[in-house]
Amino acid sequence: MAPIQPGQRVAVLADSQNLYHSAQSVYSRNIDYSSLLEKAVQGRELTRAIAYVIRAQAEDEDSFFDALRDIGFETKIKDIKTFGDGSKKADWDVGMSLDAVTLADHVDTVVLCTGDGDFSRLCNHLRHEGVRVEVMAFGESTAEELIEVADAFVDLSEREETFLL
């Protein structure tokens, strides 16, 4: 796969739930999305930056969504689903995957900001299509199979002063 070059077109897809839970469980801190985006792009040409978020009716939620947009992320918002048994579910795996496959024809690199191993098949598919795949996540909560199939892995834990607020 091609190394990082200035002219590369990049799409950054951030699984906000996965990043949030990892940052909270390991550090009890939040993600610095501005630094995340800057490192993901690395001087290349940003085509799209999408943050996939869940609306959980939490305090300060709307200001967080606004902040993401101010930084340069397009936000895709899904409401949390509560089932009859009281369990809750919300994830963007299918939506992120569809967007990545759709964007593949328009970019050279897709940066997946998630540690979710469910995306390893997506990585294989994108690489098969000739797209460079980079993963940015916390090493201790990233699936081994995802790290193995990515062209590059940035461990956010190695630079917590950069990536955490």
N, C-alpha and C. Protein backbone atom coordinates (compact mmCIF):
# COMPACT_ATOMS: atom_id res chain seq x y z
N MET A 1 0.84 -1.20 0.00
CA MET A 1 0.00 0.00 0.00
C MET A 1 0.87 1.25 0.00
N ALA A 2 0.33 2.28 -0.58
CA ALA A 2 1.07 3.55 -0.70
C ALA A 2 1.29 4.19 0.67
N PRO A 3 2.46 4.78 0.87
CA PRO A 3 2.69 5.51 2.12
C PRO A 3 1.91 6.83 2.09
N ILE A 4 1.94 7.54 3.19
CA ILE A 4 1.27 8.84 3.27
C ILE A 4 1.95 9.82 2.33
N GLN A 5 1.16 10.48 1.49
CA GLN A 5 1.66 11.49 0.57
C GLN A 5 0.73 12.69 0.62
N PRO A 6 1.27 13.90 0.46
CA PRO A 6 0.47 15.12 0.61
C PRO A 6 -0.79 15.18 -0.25
N GLY A 7 -0.76 14.65 -1.45
CA GLY A 7 -1.92 14.76 -2.33
C GLY A 7 -3.03 13.77 -2.07
N GLN A 8 -2.83 12.85 -1.16
CA GLN A 8 -3.85 11.83 -0.91
C GLN A 8 -5.15 12.44 -0.43
N ARG A 9 -6.24 11.90 -0.94
CA ARG A 9 -7.58 12.31 -0.50
C ARG A 9 -7.98 11.38 0.64
N VAL A 10 -8.41 11.99 1.75
CA VAL A 10 -8.68 11.23 2.97
C VAL A 10 -10.12 11.42 3.44
N ALA A 11 -10.71 10.32 3.89
CA ALA A 11 -12.00 10.36 4.59
C ALA A 11 -11.74 9.87 6.01
N VAL A 12 -12.26 10.61 6.99
CA VAL A 12 -12.10 10.25 8.39
C VAL A 12 -13.48 9.89 8.94
N LEU A 13 -13.61 8.65 9.42
CA LEU A 13 -14.88 8.18 9.95
C LEU A 13 -14.69 7.86 11.43
N ALA A 14 -15.34 8.62 12.30
CA ALA A 14 -15.14 8.48 13.74
C ALA A 14 -16.36 7.84 14.41
N ASP A 15 -16.13 6.68 15.01
CA ASP A 15 -17.14 5.96 15.78
C ASP A 15 -17.14 6.57 17.18
N SER A 16 -17.90 7.64 17.36
CA SER A 16 -17.85 8.41 18.60
C SER A 16 -18.19 7.60 19.84
N GLN A 17 -19.14 6.67 19.74
CA GLN A 17 -19.49 5.85 20.90
C GLN A 17 -18.32 5.01 21.34
N ASN A 18 -17.66 4.36 20.38
CA ASN A 18 -16.53 3.50 20.70
C ASN A 18 -15.40 4.32 21.33
N LEU A 19 -15.09 5.47 20.74
CA LEU A 19 -14.02 6.32 21.28
C LEU A 19 -14.38 6.83 22.67
N TYR A 20 -15.62 7.25 22.84
CA TYR A 20 -16.05 7.79 24.12
C TYR A 20 -15.91 6.74 25.23
N HIS A 21 -16.44 5.55 24.97
CA HIS A 21 -16.42 4.51 26.01
C HIS A 21 -15.00 4.08 26.33
N SER A 22 -14.14 4.00 25.33
CA SER A 22 -12.74 3.64 25.57
C SER A 22 -12.04 4.71 26.40
N ALA A 23 -12.22 5.98 26.02
CA ALA A 23 -11.57 7.08 26.74
C ALA A 23 -12.08 7.17 28.17
N GLN A 24 -13.37 6.93 28.36
CA GLN A 24 -13.95 7.00 29.70
C GLN A 24 -13.50 5.83 30.57
N SER A 25 -13.53 4.62 30.01
CA SER A 25 -13.21 3.45 30.83
C SER A 25 -11.73 3.41 31.21
N VAL A 26 -10.86 3.85 30.32
CA VAL A 26 -9.42 3.79 30.60
C VAL A 26 -8.92 5.04 31.31
N TYR A 27 -9.40 6.22 30.90
CA TYR A 27 -8.84 7.48 31.40
C TYR A 27 -9.82 8.39 32.13
N SER A 28 -11.11 8.08 32.05
CA SER A 28 -12.16 8.97 32.58
C SER A 28 -12.03 10.38 31.99
N ARG A 29 -11.68 10.43 30.72
CA ARG A 29 -11.51 11.71 30.02
C ARG A 29 -12.22 11.63 28.68
N ASN A 30 -12.29 12.78 27.99
CA ASN A 30 -12.94 12.85 26.69
C ASN A 30 -11.90 13.02 25.58
N ILE A 31 -12.36 12.74 24.37
CA ILE A 31 -11.50 12.81 23.18
C ILE A 31 -11.34 14.26 22.73
N ASP A 32 -10.14 14.62 22.31
CA ASP A 32 -9.88 15.90 21.67
C ASP A 32 -10.06 15.68 20.16
N TYR A 33 -11.26 15.96 19.68
CA TYR A 33 -11.59 15.68 18.28
C TYR A 33 -10.81 16.55 17.30
N SER A 34 -10.42 17.73 17.73
CA SER A 34 -9.62 18.60 16.88
C SER A 34 -8.26 17.97 16.59
N SER A 35 -7.59 17.49 17.64
CA SER A 35 -6.30 16.81 17.48
C SER A 35 -6.46 15.50 16.71
N LEU A 36 -7.55 14.79 16.97
CA LEU A 36 -7.82 13.54 16.27
C LEU A 36 -7.90 13.78 14.77
N LEU A 37 -8.67 14.79 14.38
CA LEU A 37 -8.84 15.09 12.96
C LEU A 37 -7.53 15.54 12.33
N GLU A 38 -6.80 16.40 13.03
CA GLU A 38 -5.53 16.89 12.51
C GLU A 38 -4.55 15.74 12.26
N LYS A 39 -4.43 14.82 13.21
CA LYS A 39 -3.53 13.68 13.08
C LYS A 39 -4.01 12.73 11.98
N ALA A 40 -5.32 12.55 11.88
CA ALA A 40 -5.87 11.66 10.86
C ALA A 40 -5.55 12.17 9.46
N VAL A 41 -5.65 13.47 9.27
CA VAL A 41 -5.42 14.05 7.94
C VAL A 41 -3.93 14.15 7.62
N GLN A 42 -3.11 14.52 8.59
CA GLN A 42 -1.66 14.63 8.43
C GLN A 42 -1.24 15.40 7.19
N GLY A 43 -1.85 16.54 6.97
CA GLY A 43 -1.44 17.38 5.85
C GLY A 43 -1.96 16.94 4.50
N ARG A 44 -2.75 15.89 4.46
CA ARG A 44 -3.32 15.43 3.19
C ARG A 44 -4.59 16.21 2.89
N GLU A 45 -5.26 15.84 1.84
CA GLU A 45 -6.49 16.55 1.42
C GLU A 45 -7.72 15.88 2.04
N LEU A 46 -8.38 16.59 2.96
CA LEU A 46 -9.56 16.03 3.61
C LEU A 46 -10.75 16.09 2.67
N THR A 47 -11.32 14.93 2.37
CA THR A 47 -12.49 14.85 1.51
C THR A 47 -13.77 14.90 2.35
N ARG A 48 -13.83 14.07 3.39
CA ARG A 48 -14.98 14.04 4.30
C ARG A 48 -14.49 13.67 5.68
N ALA A 49 -15.10 14.25 6.70
CA ALA A 49 -14.89 13.85 8.09
C ALA A 49 -16.28 13.67 8.68
N ILE A 50 -16.57 12.45 9.10
CA ILE A 50 -17.91 12.16 9.62
C ILE A 50 -17.77 11.58 11.02
N ALA A 51 -18.52 12.16 11.96
CA ALA A 51 -18.59 11.62 13.31
C ALA A 51 -19.97 10.99 13.49
N TYR A 52 -19.96 9.73 13.87
CA TYR A 52 -21.19 8.98 14.07
C TYR A 52 -21.51 9.03 15.55
N VAL A 53 -22.62 9.67 15.89
CA VAL A 53 -22.95 9.90 17.29
C VAL A 53 -24.34 9.36 17.62
N ILE A 54 -24.52 9.12 18.91
CA ILE A 54 -25.79 8.61 19.42
C ILE A 54 -26.42 9.69 20.29
N ARG A 55 -27.70 9.95 20.02
CA ARG A 55 -28.43 10.90 20.87
C ARG A 55 -29.03 10.12 22.03
N ALA A 56 -28.53 10.41 23.24
CA ALA A 56 -28.99 9.68 24.43
C ALA A 56 -29.71 10.61 25.40
N GLN A 57 -30.10 11.79 24.93
CA GLN A 57 -30.78 12.79 25.77
C GLN A 57 -29.91 13.19 26.96
N ALA A 58 -28.60 13.22 26.75
CA ALA A 58 -27.67 13.58 27.82
C ALA A 58 -27.46 15.08 27.86
N GLU A 59 -27.09 15.55 29.02
CA GLU A 59 -26.80 16.97 29.22
C GLU A 59 -25.59 17.34 28.35
N ASP A 60 -25.57 18.52 27.78
CA ASP A 60 -24.47 19.03 26.95
C ASP A 60 -24.29 18.30 25.63
N GLU A 61 -25.22 17.41 25.31
CA GLU A 61 -25.12 16.64 24.09
C GLU A 61 -25.11 17.53 22.84
N ASP A 62 -26.05 18.47 22.78
CA ASP A 62 -26.15 19.32 21.60
C ASP A 62 -24.92 20.20 21.43
N SER A 63 -24.35 20.67 22.54
CA SER A 63 -23.13 21.49 22.42
C SER A 63 -21.96 20.64 21.93
N PHE A 64 -21.93 19.36 22.30
CA PHE A 64 -20.91 18.44 21.79
C PHE A 64 -21.07 18.27 20.28
N PHE A 65 -22.31 18.06 19.82
CA PHE A 65 -22.56 17.90 18.39
C PHE A 65 -22.15 19.17 17.63
N ASP A 66 -22.47 20.34 18.21
CA ASP A 66 -22.09 21.62 17.59
C ASP A 66 -20.57 21.75 17.52
N ALA A 67 -19.89 21.36 18.60
CA ALA A 67 -18.43 21.44 18.64
C ALA A 67 -17.81 20.56 17.55
N LEU A 68 -18.36 19.38 17.37
CA LEU A 68 -17.86 18.49 16.30
C LEU A 68 -17.97 19.18 14.94
N ARG A 69 -19.12 19.81 14.70
CA ARG A 69 -19.33 20.50 13.41
C ARG A 69 -18.36 21.67 13.27
N ASP A 70 -18.13 22.41 14.36
CA ASP A 70 -17.18 23.54 14.32
C ASP A 70 -15.77 23.07 13.97
N ILE A 71 -15.39 21.90 14.45
CA ILE A 71 -14.06 21.34 14.18
C ILE A 71 -13.93 20.94 12.72
N GLY A 72 -15.05 20.56 12.09
CA GLY A 72 -15.00 20.16 10.69
C GLY A 72 -15.63 18.81 10.41
N PHE A 73 -16.25 18.21 11.43
CA PHE A 73 -16.93 16.94 11.23
C PHE A 73 -18.37 17.17 10.79
N GLU A 74 -18.81 16.35 9.88
CA GLU A 74 -20.23 16.24 9.57
C GLU A 74 -20.74 15.27 10.64
N THR A 75 -21.89 15.52 11.24
CA THR A 75 -22.37 14.59 12.26
C THR A 75 -23.54 13.78 11.71
N LYS A 76 -23.50 12.50 11.98
CA LYS A 76 -24.63 11.63 11.69
C LYS A 76 -25.12 11.17 13.05
N ILE A 77 -26.38 11.48 13.33
CA ILE A 77 -26.94 11.27 14.66
C ILE A 77 -28.03 10.20 14.61
N LYS A 78 -27.93 9.26 15.54
CA LYS A 78 -28.93 8.21 15.66
C LYS A 78 -29.44 8.23 17.09
N ASP A 79 -30.75 8.07 17.25
CA ASP A 79 -31.33 7.99 18.59
C ASP A 79 -31.08 6.62 19.18
N ILE A 80 -30.85 6.59 20.48
CA ILE A 80 -30.67 5.33 21.19
C ILE A 80 -32.02 4.62 21.22
N LYS A 81 -32.01 3.30 21.01
CA LYS A 81 -33.24 2.52 21.02
C LYS A 81 -33.36 1.81 22.36
N THR A 82 -34.52 1.92 22.97
CA THR A 82 -34.78 1.19 24.22
C THR A 82 -35.81 0.11 23.91
N PHE A 83 -35.47 -1.12 24.25
CA PHE A 83 -36.35 -2.24 23.95
C PHE A 83 -37.27 -2.53 25.13
N GLY A 84 -38.29 -3.36 24.88
CA GLY A 84 -39.28 -3.70 25.89
C GLY A 84 -38.69 -4.21 27.19
N ASP A 85 -37.57 -4.92 27.10
CA ASP A 85 -36.94 -5.47 28.31
C ASP A 85 -36.05 -4.45 29.03
N GLY A 86 -36.04 -3.21 28.52
CA GLY A 86 -35.24 -2.16 29.14
C GLY A 86 -33.83 -2.04 28.59
N SER A 87 -33.40 -3.01 27.78
CA SER A 87 -32.06 -2.94 27.19
C SER A 87 -32.02 -1.84 26.14
N LYS A 88 -30.84 -1.30 25.94
CA LYS A 88 -30.66 -0.20 24.99
C LYS A 88 -29.63 -0.60 23.95
N LYS A 89 -29.83 -0.10 22.73
CA LYS A 89 -28.87 -0.40 21.68
C LYS A 89 -28.78 0.78 20.74
N ALA A 90 -27.58 1.04 20.32
CA ALA A 90 -27.35 2.05 19.28
C ALA A 90 -25.95 1.85 18.78
N ASP A 91 -25.82 1.59 17.52
CA ASP A 91 -24.49 1.59 16.95
C ASP A 91 -24.57 1.96 15.47
N TRP A 92 -23.45 2.37 14.96
CA TRP A 92 -23.37 2.89 13.62
C TRP A 92 -22.58 1.96 12.70
N ASP A 93 -22.36 0.70 13.10
CA ASP A 93 -21.49 -0.18 12.32
C ASP A 93 -21.89 -0.26 10.85
N VAL A 94 -23.16 -0.51 10.59
CA VAL A 94 -23.61 -0.65 9.20
C VAL A 94 -23.51 0.69 8.47
N GLY A 95 -23.94 1.77 9.11
CA GLY A 95 -23.88 3.09 8.48
C GLY A 95 -22.45 3.51 8.16
N MET A 96 -21.53 3.28 9.09
CA MET A 96 -20.12 3.61 8.85
C MET A 96 -19.56 2.77 7.71
N SER A 97 -19.90 1.50 7.70
CA SER A 97 -19.39 0.60 6.66
C SER A 97 -19.91 1.01 5.28
N LEU A 98 -21.21 1.32 5.20
CA LEU A 98 -21.77 1.75 3.92
C LEU A 98 -21.12 3.04 3.43
N ASP A 99 -20.93 3.99 4.35
CA ASP A 99 -20.28 5.24 3.96
C ASP A 99 -18.86 4.98 3.48
N ALA A 100 -18.12 4.12 4.17
CA ALA A 100 -16.74 3.82 3.78
C ALA A 100 -16.69 3.21 2.38
N VAL A 101 -17.59 2.27 2.11
CA VAL A 101 -17.62 1.61 0.80
C VAL A 101 -18.01 2.62 -0.28
N THR A 102 -18.97 3.49 0.03
CA THR A 102 -19.40 4.52 -0.93
C THR A 102 -18.28 5.52 -1.21
N LEU A 103 -17.55 5.90 -0.17
CA LEU A 103 -16.46 6.87 -0.32
C LEU A 103 -15.21 6.29 -0.98
N ALA A 104 -15.08 4.97 -0.97
CA ALA A 104 -13.87 4.31 -1.45
C ALA A 104 -13.46 4.75 -2.86
N ASP A 105 -14.43 5.01 -3.72
CA ASP A 105 -14.13 5.44 -5.09
C ASP A 105 -13.64 6.88 -5.17
N HIS A 106 -13.79 7.63 -4.09
CA HIS A 106 -13.50 9.07 -4.11
C HIS A 106 -12.31 9.46 -3.25
N VAL A 107 -11.70 8.49 -2.57
CA VAL A 107 -10.57 8.78 -1.68
C VAL A 107 -9.45 7.78 -1.89
N ASP A 108 -8.27 8.14 -1.39
CA ASP A 108 -7.12 7.24 -1.42
C ASP A 108 -6.97 6.52 -0.09
N THR A 109 -7.43 7.17 0.98
CA THR A 109 -7.25 6.65 2.34
C THR A 109 -8.54 6.83 3.14
N VAL A 110 -8.89 5.81 3.91
CA VAL A 110 -9.97 5.91 4.88
C VAL A 110 -9.35 5.73 6.25
N VAL A 111 -9.60 6.69 7.14
CA VAL A 111 -9.13 6.58 8.52
C VAL A 111 -10.33 6.22 9.38
N LEU A 112 -10.29 5.04 9.97
CA LEU A 112 -11.36 4.58 10.85
C LEU A 112 -10.94 4.86 12.29
N CYS A 113 -11.71 5.70 12.97
CA CYS A 113 -11.42 6.02 14.37
C CYS A 113 -12.34 5.16 15.23
N THR A 114 -11.90 3.93 15.47
CA THR A 114 -12.65 2.95 16.24
C THR A 114 -11.74 1.79 16.59
N GLY A 115 -12.06 1.12 17.66
CA GLY A 115 -11.32 -0.08 18.03
C GLY A 115 -12.15 -1.33 17.84
N ASP A 116 -13.32 -1.18 17.23
CA ASP A 116 -14.29 -2.25 17.08
C ASP A 116 -13.84 -3.27 16.02
N GLY A 117 -13.62 -4.50 16.46
CA GLY A 117 -13.16 -5.55 15.56
C GLY A 117 -14.13 -5.89 14.45
N ASP A 118 -15.39 -5.49 14.60
CA ASP A 118 -16.37 -5.74 13.53
C ASP A 118 -15.96 -5.06 12.23
N PHE A 119 -15.08 -4.07 12.31
CA PHE A 119 -14.67 -3.35 11.11
C PHE A 119 -13.50 -4.01 10.38
N SER A 120 -13.01 -5.15 10.87
CA SER A 120 -11.87 -5.78 10.20
C SER A 120 -12.24 -6.28 8.79
N ARG A 121 -13.44 -6.78 8.63
CA ARG A 121 -13.86 -7.21 7.27
C ARG A 121 -13.96 -6.01 6.34
N LEU A 122 -14.43 -4.89 6.86
CA LEU A 122 -14.49 -3.67 6.05
C LEU A 122 -13.08 -3.28 5.61
N CYS A 123 -12.12 -3.34 6.52
CA CYS A 123 -10.73 -3.01 6.18
C CYS A 123 -10.23 -3.88 5.04
N ASN A 124 -10.48 -5.18 5.16
CA ASN A 124 -10.06 -6.10 4.09
C ASN A 124 -10.68 -5.72 2.76
N HIS A 125 -11.97 -5.39 2.79
CA HIS A 125 -12.66 -5.02 1.55
C HIS A 125 -12.06 -3.74 0.95
N LEU A 126 -11.88 -2.72 1.77
CA LEU A 126 -11.33 -1.45 1.28
C LEU A 126 -9.94 -1.64 0.70
N ARG A 127 -9.11 -2.39 1.39
CA ARG A 127 -7.74 -2.63 0.90
C ARG A 127 -7.78 -3.39 -0.42
N HIS A 128 -8.70 -4.34 -0.55
CA HIS A 128 -8.87 -5.08 -1.80
C HIS A 128 -9.24 -4.13 -2.94
N GLU A 129 -9.97 -3.06 -2.61
CA GLU A 129 -10.36 -2.05 -3.60
C GLU A 129 -9.24 -1.03 -3.86
N GLY A 130 -8.10 -1.19 -3.19
CA GLY A 130 -6.97 -0.30 -3.41
C GLY A 130 -6.93 0.92 -2.52
N VAL A 131 -7.75 0.92 -1.48
CA VAL A 131 -7.80 2.05 -0.55
C VAL A 131 -6.90 1.76 0.64
N ARG A 132 -6.09 2.74 1.02
CA ARG A 132 -5.27 2.62 2.23
C ARG A 132 -6.20 2.77 3.44
N VAL A 133 -6.04 1.91 4.45
CA VAL A 133 -6.88 1.98 5.64
C VAL A 133 -6.01 2.20 6.86
N GLU A 134 -6.31 3.26 7.58
CA GLU A 134 -5.61 3.57 8.82
C GLU A 134 -6.63 3.51 9.96
N VAL A 135 -6.20 3.00 11.10
CA VAL A 135 -7.06 2.90 12.27
C VAL A 135 -6.45 3.74 13.38
N MET A 136 -7.29 4.54 14.04
CA MET A 136 -6.88 5.32 15.20
C MET A 136 -7.79 4.94 16.35
N ALA A 137 -7.19 4.42 17.44
CA ALA A 137 -7.99 4.01 18.60
C ALA A 137 -7.05 3.78 19.77
N PHE A 138 -7.63 3.46 20.91
CA PHE A 138 -6.84 3.16 22.11
C PHE A 138 -6.41 1.70 22.05
N GLY A 139 -5.10 1.49 22.07
CA GLY A 139 -4.55 0.14 21.91
C GLY A 139 -5.16 -0.89 22.82
N GLU A 140 -5.35 -0.53 24.10
CA GLU A 140 -5.85 -1.52 25.06
C GLU A 140 -7.30 -1.91 24.84
N SER A 141 -8.03 -1.14 24.02
CA SER A 141 -9.43 -1.50 23.76
C SER A 141 -9.68 -1.67 22.26
N THR A 142 -8.62 -1.97 21.52
CA THR A 142 -8.77 -2.19 20.08
C THR A 142 -8.60 -3.67 19.77
N ALA A 143 -9.51 -4.20 18.97
CA ALA A 143 -9.46 -5.61 18.59
C ALA A 143 -8.18 -5.89 17.81
N GLU A 144 -7.51 -6.96 18.19
CA GLU A 144 -6.25 -7.36 17.54
C GLU A 144 -6.43 -7.54 16.03
N GLU A 145 -7.56 -8.14 15.62
CA GLU A 145 -7.77 -8.39 14.19
C GLU A 145 -7.89 -7.09 13.40
N LEU A 146 -8.36 -6.03 14.04
CA LEU A 146 -8.47 -4.74 13.35
C LEU A 146 -7.08 -4.14 13.13
N ILE A 147 -6.24 -4.22 14.14
CA ILE A 147 -4.86 -3.71 14.02
C ILE A 147 -4.12 -4.48 12.93
N GLU A 148 -4.31 -5.79 12.89
CA GLU A 148 -3.60 -6.64 11.93
C GLU A 148 -3.95 -6.34 10.47
N VAL A 149 -5.21 -5.99 10.19
CA VAL A 149 -5.63 -5.80 8.79
C VAL A 149 -5.47 -4.37 8.30
N ALA A 150 -5.20 -3.42 9.21
CA ALA A 150 -5.04 -2.02 8.81
C ALA A 150 -3.64 -1.80 8.21
N ASP A 151 -3.53 -0.83 7.31
CA ASP A 151 -2.22 -0.46 6.77
C ASP A 151 -1.40 0.26 7.83
N ALA A 152 -2.08 0.98 8.72
CA ALA A 152 -1.39 1.70 9.79
C ALA A 152 -2.32 1.78 10.99
N PHE A 153 -1.71 1.76 12.19
CA PHE A 153 -2.49 1.88 13.42
C PHE A 153 -1.85 2.96 14.28
N VAL A 154 -2.67 3.94 14.67
CA VAL A 154 -2.22 4.98 15.60
C VAL A 154 -2.86 4.68 16.94
N ASP A 155 -2.01 4.38 17.93
CA ASP A 155 -2.48 4.07 19.27
C ASP A 155 -2.63 5.39 20.03
N LEU A 156 -3.87 5.80 20.25
CA LEU A 156 -4.14 7.06 20.93
C LEU A 156 -3.58 7.07 22.35
N SER A 157 -3.43 5.89 22.95
CA SER A 157 -2.91 5.78 24.31
C SER A 157 -1.45 6.22 24.40
N GLU A 158 -0.73 6.12 23.29
CA GLU A 158 0.69 6.50 23.30
C GLU A 158 0.87 8.01 23.31
N ARG A 159 -0.19 8.76 23.02
CA ARG A 159 -0.12 10.22 23.01
C ARG A 159 -1.36 10.80 23.67
N GLU A 160 -1.62 10.35 24.90
CA GLU A 160 -2.85 10.77 25.57
C GLU A 160 -2.90 12.28 25.77
N GLU A 161 -1.74 12.93 25.94
CA GLU A 161 -1.72 14.40 26.13
C GLU A 161 -2.20 15.11 24.87
N THR A 162 -2.10 14.43 23.72
CA THR A 162 -2.55 15.02 22.45
C THR A 162 -4.02 14.74 22.21
N PHE A 163 -4.45 13.52 22.49
CA PHE A 163 -5.77 13.08 22.07
C PHE A 163 -6.86 13.11 23.12
N LEU A 164 -6.49 13.45 24.37
CA LEU A 164 -7.50 13.51 25.42
C LEU A 164 -7.60 14.92 25.98
N LEU A 165 -8.80 15.31 26.35
CA LEU A 165 -9.04 16.63 26.97
C LEU A 165 -8.89 16.51 28.48
